[in-house]
Amino acid sequence: MTGRGVSGGGTGQTGTGQTGTGQTGTGQTIKGIVGDLLADIQLGHIDDDVANVLAERLRRAGIEVRPEEVEDLAEEIENHASR
């Protein structure tokens, strides 16, 4: 996936990982999950691996994302949170 960035608390992601349809509602949900996770990291509320927490939150929201995409996004979130 290209074109993603964590700046502004969003992913810039166009697809869900399910069908690549670019559904706006799901994109907004992903943005919300990423924003919440970023805030939780910055507040020191996350003790677990960010990729595991992200995958669990996406799963609970009913969003399927390939594991490698979760890893890439988690790395971007971690990098953004450490700034």
PDB file of N, CA and C in Angstrom:
ATOM      1  N   MET A   1       0.842  -1.177   0.000  1.00  0.00           N
ATOM      2  CA  MET A   1       0.000   0.000   0.000  1.00  0.00           C
ATOM      3  C   MET A   1       0.885   1.236   0.000  1.00  0.00           C
ATOM      4  N   THR A   2       0.613   2.088  -0.911  1.00  0.00           N
ATOM      5  CA  THR A   2       1.374   3.319  -0.962  1.00  0.00           C
ATOM      6  C   THR A   2       0.459   4.473  -0.653  1.00  0.00           C
ATOM      7  N   GLY A   3       1.062   5.604  -0.368  1.00  0.00           N
ATOM      8  CA  GLY A   3       0.275   6.791  -0.144  1.00  0.00           C
ATOM      9  C   GLY A   3      -0.269   6.920   1.265  1.00  0.00           C
ATOM     10  N   ARG A   4       0.160   6.044   2.165  1.00  0.00           N
ATOM     11  CA  ARG A   4      -0.320   6.148   3.537  1.00  0.00           C
ATOM     12  C   ARG A   4       0.594   7.051   4.317  1.00  0.00           C
ATOM     13  N   GLY A   5       0.048   7.699   5.292  1.00  0.00           N
ATOM     14  CA  GLY A   5       0.827   8.506   6.200  1.00  0.00           C
ATOM     15  C   GLY A   5       0.025   8.701   7.465  1.00  0.00           C
ATOM     16  N   VAL A   6       0.706   8.841   8.555  1.00  0.00           N
ATOM     17  CA  VAL A   6       0.014   8.948   9.821  1.00  0.00           C
ATOM     18  C   VAL A   6      -0.254  10.396  10.177  1.00  0.00           C
ATOM     19  N   SER A   7       0.367  11.333   9.479  1.00  0.00           N
ATOM     20  CA  SER A   7       0.185  12.733   9.834  1.00  0.00           C
ATOM     21  C   SER A   7      -1.288  13.091   9.879  1.00  0.00           C
ATOM     22  N   GLY A   8      -1.654  13.875  10.867  1.00  0.00           N
ATOM     23  CA  GLY A   8      -3.036  14.270  11.027  1.00  0.00           C
ATOM     24  C   GLY A   8      -3.896  13.185  11.635  1.00  0.00           C
ATOM     25  N   GLY A   9      -3.286  12.114  12.121  1.00  0.00           N
ATOM     26  CA  GLY A   9      -4.032  11.049  12.768  1.00  0.00           C
ATOM     27  C   GLY A   9      -4.746  10.127  11.802  1.00  0.00           C
ATOM     28  N   GLY A  10      -4.528  10.296  10.499  1.00  0.00           N
ATOM     29  CA  GLY A  10      -5.213   9.454   9.536  1.00  0.00           C
ATOM     30  C   GLY A  10      -4.247   8.596   8.766  1.00  0.00           C
ATOM     31  N   THR A  11      -4.776   7.641   8.031  1.00  0.00           N
ATOM     32  CA  THR A  11      -3.922   6.741   7.279  1.00  0.00           C
ATOM     33  C   THR A  11      -3.800   7.143   5.824  1.00  0.00           C
ATOM     34  N   GLY A  12      -4.742   7.903   5.324  1.00  0.00           N
ATOM     35  CA  GLY A  12      -4.741   8.198   3.900  1.00  0.00           C
ATOM     36  C   GLY A  12      -5.067   6.962   3.095  1.00  0.00           C
ATOM     37  N   GLN A  13      -5.454   5.912   3.745  1.00  0.00           N
ATOM     38  CA  GLN A  13      -5.698   4.625   3.133  1.00  0.00           C
ATOM     39  C   GLN A  13      -6.990   4.668   2.341  1.00  0.00           C
ATOM     40  N   THR A  14      -6.978   4.102   1.127  1.00  0.00           N
ATOM     41  CA  THR A  14      -8.171   4.136   0.313  1.00  0.00           C
ATOM     42  C   THR A  14      -8.969   2.846   0.392  1.00  0.00           C
ATOM     43  N   GLY A  15      -8.366   1.755   0.778  1.00  0.00           N
ATOM     44  CA  GLY A  15      -9.081   0.485   0.829  1.00  0.00           C
ATOM     45  C   GLY A  15      -9.152  -0.055   2.239  1.00  0.00           C
ATOM     46  N   THR A  16      -9.889  -1.134   2.380  1.00  0.00           N
ATOM     47  CA  THR A  16     -10.052  -1.729   3.694  1.00  0.00           C
ATOM     48  C   THR A  16      -9.182  -2.945   3.884  1.00  0.00           C
ATOM     49  N   GLY A  17      -8.582  -3.423   2.823  1.00  0.00           N
ATOM     50  CA  GLY A  17      -7.876  -4.678   2.900  1.00  0.00           C
ATOM     51  C   GLY A  17      -8.807  -5.826   2.550  1.00  0.00           C
ATOM     52  N   GLN A  18     -10.101  -5.563   2.506  1.00  0.00           N
ATOM     53  CA  GLN A  18     -11.065  -6.606   2.181  1.00  0.00           C
ATOM     54  C   GLN A  18     -11.205  -6.731   0.674  1.00  0.00           C
ATOM     55  N   THR A  19     -11.590  -5.654   0.021  1.00  0.00           N
ATOM     56  CA  THR A  19     -11.825  -5.713  -1.411  1.00  0.00           C
ATOM     57  C   THR A  19     -11.117  -4.606  -2.166  1.00  0.00           C
ATOM     58  N   GLY A  20     -10.530  -3.674  -1.450  1.00  0.00           N
ATOM     59  CA  GLY A  20      -9.876  -2.555  -2.106  1.00  0.00           C
ATOM     60  C   GLY A  20     -10.861  -1.592  -2.732  1.00  0.00           C
ATOM     61  N   THR A  21     -12.066  -1.529  -2.222  1.00  0.00           N
ATOM     62  CA  THR A  21     -13.090  -0.703  -2.828  1.00  0.00           C
ATOM     63  C   THR A  21     -12.983   0.760  -2.446  1.00  0.00           C
ATOM     64  N   GLY A  22     -12.227   1.079  -1.410  1.00  0.00           N
ATOM     65  CA  GLY A  22     -12.054   2.463  -1.022  1.00  0.00           C
ATOM     66  C   GLY A  22     -13.278   3.055  -0.370  1.00  0.00           C
ATOM     67  N   GLN A  23     -14.022   2.280   0.370  1.00  0.00           N
ATOM     68  CA  GLN A  23     -15.234   2.762   1.014  1.00  0.00           C
ATOM     69  C   GLN A  23     -14.896   3.831   2.038  1.00  0.00           C
ATOM     70  N   THR A  24     -15.552   4.978   1.920  1.00  0.00           N
ATOM     71  CA  THR A  24     -15.268   6.105   2.796  1.00  0.00           C
ATOM     72  C   THR A  24     -15.562   5.785   4.249  1.00  0.00           C
ATOM     73  N   GLY A  25     -16.676   5.132   4.547  1.00  0.00           N
ATOM     74  CA  GLY A  25     -17.034   4.827   5.920  1.00  0.00           C
ATOM     75  C   GLY A  25     -15.972   4.001   6.614  1.00  0.00           C
ATOM     76  N   THR A  26     -15.459   2.985   5.939  1.00  0.00           N
ATOM     77  CA  THR A  26     -14.426   2.145   6.516  1.00  0.00           C
ATOM     78  C   THR A  26     -13.132   2.929   6.649  1.00  0.00           C
ATOM     79  N   GLY A  27     -12.817   3.772   5.662  1.00  0.00           N
ATOM     80  CA  GLY A  27     -11.617   4.598   5.745  1.00  0.00           C
ATOM     81  C   GLY A  27     -11.666   5.511   6.953  1.00  0.00           C
ATOM     82  N   GLN A  28     -12.834   6.074   7.214  1.00  0.00           N
ATOM     83  CA  GLN A  28     -12.990   6.932   8.381  1.00  0.00           C
ATOM     84  C   GLN A  28     -12.822   6.122   9.661  1.00  0.00           C
ATOM     85  N   THR A  29     -13.305   4.885   9.668  1.00  0.00           N
ATOM     86  CA  THR A  29     -13.149   4.022  10.831  1.00  0.00           C
ATOM     87  C   THR A  29     -11.673   3.723  11.066  1.00  0.00           C
ATOM     88  N   ILE A  30     -10.945   3.433  10.017  1.00  0.00           N
ATOM     89  CA  ILE A  30      -9.508   3.164  10.141  1.00  0.00           C
ATOM     90  C   ILE A  30      -8.804   4.409  10.667  1.00  0.00           C
ATOM     91  N   LYS A  31      -9.166   5.573  10.142  1.00  0.00           N
ATOM     92  CA  LYS A  31      -8.565   6.821  10.618  1.00  0.00           C
ATOM     93  C   LYS A  31      -8.820   7.003  12.108  1.00  0.00           C
ATOM     94  N   GLY A  32     -10.032   6.704  12.541  1.00  0.00           N
ATOM     95  CA  GLY A  32     -10.372   6.828  13.952  1.00  0.00           C
ATOM     96  C   GLY A  32      -9.578   5.864  14.815  1.00  0.00           C
ATOM     97  N   ILE A  33      -9.434   4.631  14.351  1.00  0.00           N
ATOM     98  CA  ILE A  33      -8.672   3.628  15.091  1.00  0.00           C
ATOM     99  C   ILE A  33      -7.216   4.054  15.192  1.00  0.00           C
ATOM    100  N   VAL A  34      -6.658   4.518  14.088  1.00  0.00           N
ATOM    101  CA  VAL A  34      -5.264   4.963  14.088  1.00  0.00           C
ATOM    102  C   VAL A  34      -5.087   6.161  15.018  1.00  0.00           C
ATOM    103  N   GLY A  35      -6.005   7.119  14.941  1.00  0.00           N
ATOM    104  CA  GLY A  35      -5.919   8.300  15.802  1.00  0.00           C
ATOM    105  C   GLY A  35      -6.007   7.942  17.276  1.00  0.00           C
ATOM    106  N   ASP A  36      -6.942   7.051  17.604  1.00  0.00           N
ATOM    107  CA  ASP A  36      -7.082   6.619  19.000  1.00  0.00           C
ATOM    108  C   ASP A  36      -5.845   5.876  19.479  1.00  0.00           C
ATOM    109  N   LEU A  37      -5.328   5.000  18.628  1.00  0.00           N
ATOM    110  CA  LEU A  37      -4.134   4.238  19.000  1.00  0.00           C
ATOM    111  C   LEU A  37      -2.937   5.160  19.185  1.00  0.00           C
ATOM    112  N   LEU A  38      -2.778   6.116  18.297  1.00  0.00           N
ATOM    113  CA  LEU A  38      -1.686   7.081  18.408  1.00  0.00           C
ATOM    114  C   LEU A  38      -1.787   7.857  19.723  1.00  0.00           C
ATOM    115  N   ALA A  39      -2.978   8.293  20.052  1.00  0.00           N
ATOM    116  CA  ALA A  39      -3.182   9.019  21.315  1.00  0.00           C
ATOM    117  C   ALA A  39      -2.865   8.127  22.512  1.00  0.00           C
ATOM    118  N   ASP A  40      -3.316   6.877  22.464  1.00  0.00           N
ATOM    119  CA  ASP A  40      -3.038   5.953  23.565  1.00  0.00           C
ATOM    120  C   ASP A  40      -1.542   5.712  23.738  1.00  0.00           C
ATOM    121  N   ILE A  41      -0.816   5.628  22.637  1.00  0.00           N
ATOM    122  CA  ILE A  41       0.642   5.442  22.706  1.00  0.00           C
ATOM    123  C   ILE A  41       1.283   6.675  23.331  1.00  0.00           C
ATOM    124  N   GLN A  42       0.897   7.842  22.868  1.00  0.00           N
ATOM    125  CA  GLN A  42       1.482   9.078  23.373  1.00  0.00           C
ATOM    126  C   GLN A  42       1.184   9.292  24.850  1.00  0.00           C
ATOM    127  N   LEU A  43       0.056   8.760  25.318  1.00  0.00           N
ATOM    128  CA  LEU A  43      -0.300   8.869  26.732  1.00  0.00           C
ATOM    129  C   LEU A  43       0.305   7.746  27.571  1.00  0.00           C
ATOM    130  N   GLY A  44       0.990   6.812  26.925  1.00  0.00           N
ATOM    131  CA  GLY A  44       1.623   5.713  27.639  1.00  0.00           C
ATOM    132  C   GLY A  44       0.665   4.607  28.034  1.00  0.00           C
ATOM    133  N   HIS A  45      -0.460   4.493  27.353  1.00  0.00           N
ATOM    134  CA  HIS A  45      -1.465   3.493  27.692  1.00  0.00           C
ATOM    135  C   HIS A  45      -1.261   2.165  26.980  1.00  0.00           C
ATOM    136  N   ILE A  46      -0.283   2.071  26.102  1.00  0.00           N
ATOM    137  CA  ILE A  46      -0.065   0.846  25.335  1.00  0.00           C
ATOM    138  C   ILE A  46       1.231   0.194  25.803  1.00  0.00           C
ATOM    139  N   ASP A  47       1.091  -1.016  26.354  1.00  0.00           N
ATOM    140  CA  ASP A  47       2.250  -1.783  26.795  1.00  0.00           C
ATOM    141  C   ASP A  47       2.578  -2.916  25.827  1.00  0.00           C
ATOM    142  N   ASP A  48       1.613  -3.295  25.008  1.00  0.00           N
ATOM    143  CA  ASP A  48       1.774  -4.407  24.086  1.00  0.00           C
ATOM    144  C   ASP A  48       2.364  -3.934  22.760  1.00  0.00           C
ATOM    145  N   ASP A  49       2.666  -4.893  21.918  1.00  0.00           N
ATOM    146  CA  ASP A  49       3.148  -4.612  20.572  1.00  0.00           C
ATOM    147  C   ASP A  49       2.074  -3.832  19.814  1.00  0.00           C
ATOM    148  N   VAL A  50       2.453  -2.728  19.202  1.00  0.00           N
ATOM    149  CA  VAL A  50       1.499  -1.857  18.511  1.00  0.00           C
ATOM    150  C   VAL A  50       0.778  -2.610  17.390  1.00  0.00           C
ATOM    151  N   ALA A  51       1.487  -3.450  16.674  1.00  0.00           N
ATOM    152  CA  ALA A  51       0.856  -4.206  15.586  1.00  0.00           C
ATOM    153  C   ALA A  51      -0.243  -5.118  16.124  1.00  0.00           C
ATOM    154  N   ASN A  52      -0.004  -5.749  17.265  1.00  0.00           N
ATOM    155  CA  ASN A  52      -1.018  -6.622  17.856  1.00  0.00           C
ATOM    156  C   ASN A  52      -2.241  -5.828  18.297  1.00  0.00           C
ATOM    157  N   VAL A  53      -2.013  -4.683  18.920  1.00  0.00           N
ATOM    158  CA  VAL A  53      -3.120  -3.844  19.374  1.00  0.00           C
ATOM    159  C   VAL A  53      -3.907  -3.327  18.175  1.00  0.00           C
ATOM    160  N   LEU A  54      -3.203  -2.869  17.151  1.00  0.00           N
ATOM    161  CA  LEU A  54      -3.865  -2.371  15.946  1.00  0.00           C
ATOM    162  C   LEU A  54      -4.693  -3.466  15.290  1.00  0.00           C
ATOM    163  N   ALA A  55      -4.116  -4.656  15.138  1.00  0.00           N
ATOM    164  CA  ALA A  55      -4.834  -5.769  14.520  1.00  0.00           C
ATOM    165  C   ALA A  55      -6.096  -6.108  15.309  1.00  0.00           C
ATOM    166  N   GLU A  56      -6.008  -6.112  16.627  1.00  0.00           N
ATOM    167  CA  GLU A  56      -7.165  -6.417  17.467  1.00  0.00           C
ATOM    168  C   GLU A  56      -8.247  -5.350  17.321  1.00  0.00           C
ATOM    169  N   ARG A  57      -7.849  -4.091  17.317  1.00  0.00           N
ATOM    170  CA  ARG A  57      -8.835  -3.011  17.179  1.00  0.00           C
ATOM    171  C   ARG A  57      -9.511  -3.038  15.813  1.00  0.00           C
ATOM    172  N   LEU A  58      -8.744  -3.333  14.775  1.00  0.00           N
ATOM    173  CA  LEU A  58      -9.320  -3.454  13.442  1.00  0.00           C
ATOM    174  C   LEU A  58     -10.288  -4.634  13.394  1.00  0.00           C
ATOM    175  N   ARG A  59      -9.892  -5.761  13.992  1.00  0.00           N
ATOM    176  CA  ARG A  59     -10.738  -6.947  14.009  1.00  0.00           C
ATOM    177  C   ARG A  59     -12.067  -6.655  14.718  1.00  0.00           C
ATOM    178  N   ARG A  60     -11.976  -5.976  15.874  1.00  0.00           N
ATOM    179  CA  ARG A  60     -13.198  -5.639  16.624  1.00  0.00           C
ATOM    180  C   ARG A  60     -14.110  -4.719  15.823  1.00  0.00           C
ATOM    181  N   ALA A  61     -13.530  -3.883  14.963  1.00  0.00           N
ATOM    182  CA  ALA A  61     -14.316  -2.972  14.134  1.00  0.00           C
ATOM    183  C   ALA A  61     -14.851  -3.667  12.879  1.00  0.00           C
ATOM    184  N   GLY A  62     -14.466  -4.939  12.700  1.00  0.00           N
ATOM    185  CA  GLY A  62     -14.932  -5.689  11.545  1.00  0.00           C
ATOM    186  C   GLY A  62     -14.183  -5.371  10.276  1.00  0.00           C
ATOM    187  N   ILE A  63     -12.963  -4.873  10.408  1.00  0.00           N
ATOM    188  CA  ILE A  63     -12.156  -4.493   9.255  1.00  0.00           C
ATOM    189  C   ILE A  63     -11.040  -5.509   9.077  1.00  0.00           C
ATOM    190  N   GLU A  64     -10.995  -6.118   7.913  1.00  0.00           N
ATOM    191  CA  GLU A  64      -9.958  -7.101   7.617  1.00  0.00           C
ATOM    192  C   GLU A  64      -8.835  -6.417   6.843  1.00  0.00           C
ATOM    193  N   VAL A  65      -7.628  -6.530   7.371  1.00  0.00           N
ATOM    194  CA  VAL A  65      -6.452  -5.952   6.735  1.00  0.00           C
ATOM    195  C   VAL A  65      -5.374  -7.029   6.723  1.00  0.00           C
ATOM    196  N   ARG A  66      -4.662  -7.127   5.629  1.00  0.00           N
ATOM    197  CA  ARG A  66      -3.596  -8.129   5.545  1.00  0.00           C
ATOM    198  C   ARG A  66      -2.555  -7.878   6.628  1.00  0.00           C
ATOM    199  N   PRO A  67      -1.991  -8.946   7.193  1.00  0.00           N
ATOM    200  CA  PRO A  67      -1.009  -8.808   8.278  1.00  0.00           C
ATOM    201  C   PRO A  67       0.165  -7.902   7.933  1.00  0.00           C
ATOM    202  N   GLU A  68       0.659  -7.976   6.711  1.00  0.00           N
ATOM    203  CA  GLU A  68       1.803  -7.130   6.342  1.00  0.00           C
ATOM    204  C   GLU A  68       1.403  -5.654   6.302  1.00  0.00           C
ATOM    205  N   GLU A  69       0.146  -5.355   5.960  1.00  0.00           N
ATOM    206  CA  GLU A  69      -0.323  -3.978   5.970  1.00  0.00           C
ATOM    207  C   GLU A  69      -0.469  -3.470   7.401  1.00  0.00           C
ATOM    208  N   VAL A  70      -0.919  -4.354   8.295  1.00  0.00           N
ATOM    209  CA  VAL A  70      -1.018  -3.987   9.713  1.00  0.00           C
ATOM    210  C   VAL A  70       0.374  -3.675  10.248  1.00  0.00           C
ATOM    211  N   GLU A  71       1.355  -4.506   9.920  1.00  0.00           N
ATOM    212  CA  GLU A  71       2.736  -4.285  10.373  1.00  0.00           C
ATOM    213  C   GLU A  71       3.277  -2.955   9.854  1.00  0.00           C
ATOM    214  N   ASP A  72       3.048  -2.670   8.579  1.00  0.00           N
ATOM    215  CA  ASP A  72       3.527  -1.412   7.994  1.00  0.00           C
ATOM    216  C   ASP A  72       2.875  -0.208   8.662  1.00  0.00           C
ATOM    217  N   LEU A  73       1.575  -0.285   8.860  1.00  0.00           N
ATOM    218  CA  LEU A  73       0.850   0.822   9.479  1.00  0.00           C
ATOM    219  C   LEU A  73       1.278   0.998  10.935  1.00  0.00           C
ATOM    220  N   ALA A  74       1.463  -0.113  11.641  1.00  0.00           N
ATOM    221  CA  ALA A  74       1.913  -0.041  13.037  1.00  0.00           C
ATOM    222  C   ALA A  74       3.283   0.616  13.131  1.00  0.00           C
ATOM    223  N   GLU A  75       4.161   0.310  12.188  1.00  0.00           N
ATOM    224  CA  GLU A  75       5.491   0.928  12.181  1.00  0.00           C
ATOM    225  C   GLU A  75       5.382   2.434  11.964  1.00  0.00           C
ATOM    226  N   GLU A  76       4.498   2.848  11.054  1.00  0.00           N
ATOM    227  CA  GLU A  76       4.298   4.281  10.816  1.00  0.00           C
ATOM    228  C   GLU A  76       3.738   4.970  12.063  1.00  0.00           C
ATOM    229  N   ILE A  77       2.805   4.290  12.737  1.00  0.00           N
ATOM    230  CA  ILE A  77       2.220   4.845  13.958  1.00  0.00           C
ATOM    231  C   ILE A  77       3.299   5.011  15.027  1.00  0.00           C
ATOM    232  N   GLU A  78       4.129   3.991  15.205  1.00  0.00           N
ATOM    233  CA  GLU A  78       5.200   4.059  16.190  1.00  0.00           C
ATOM    234  C   GLU A  78       6.172   5.186  15.874  1.00  0.00           C
ATOM    235  N   ASN A  79       6.524   5.312  14.600  1.00  0.00           N
ATOM    236  CA  ASN A  79       7.445   6.392  14.206  1.00  0.00           C
ATOM    237  C   ASN A  79       6.828   7.760  14.468  1.00  0.00           C
ATOM    238  N   HIS A  80       5.567   7.910  14.169  1.00  0.00           N
ATOM    239  CA  HIS A  80       4.885   9.187  14.382  1.00  0.00           C
ATOM    240  C   HIS A  80       4.788   9.501  15.881  1.00  0.00           C
ATOM    241  N   ALA A  81       4.495   8.469  16.671  1.00  0.00           N
ATOM    242  CA  ALA A  81       4.333   8.667  18.115  1.00  0.00           C
ATOM    243  C   ALA A  81       5.642   9.036  18.792  1.00  0.00           C
ATOM    244  N   SER A  82       6.752   8.635  18.202  1.00  0.00           N
ATOM    245  CA  SER A  82       8.048   8.909  18.844  1.00  0.00           C
ATOM    246  C   SER A  82       8.590  10.295  18.513  1.00  0.00           C
ATOM    247  N   ARG A  83       7.915  11.042  17.664  1.00  0.00           N
ATOM    248  CA  ARG A  83       8.379  12.391  17.304  1.00  0.00           C
ATOM    249  C   ARG A  83       8.121  13.367  18.393  1.00  0.00           C
TER     250      ARG A  83
END
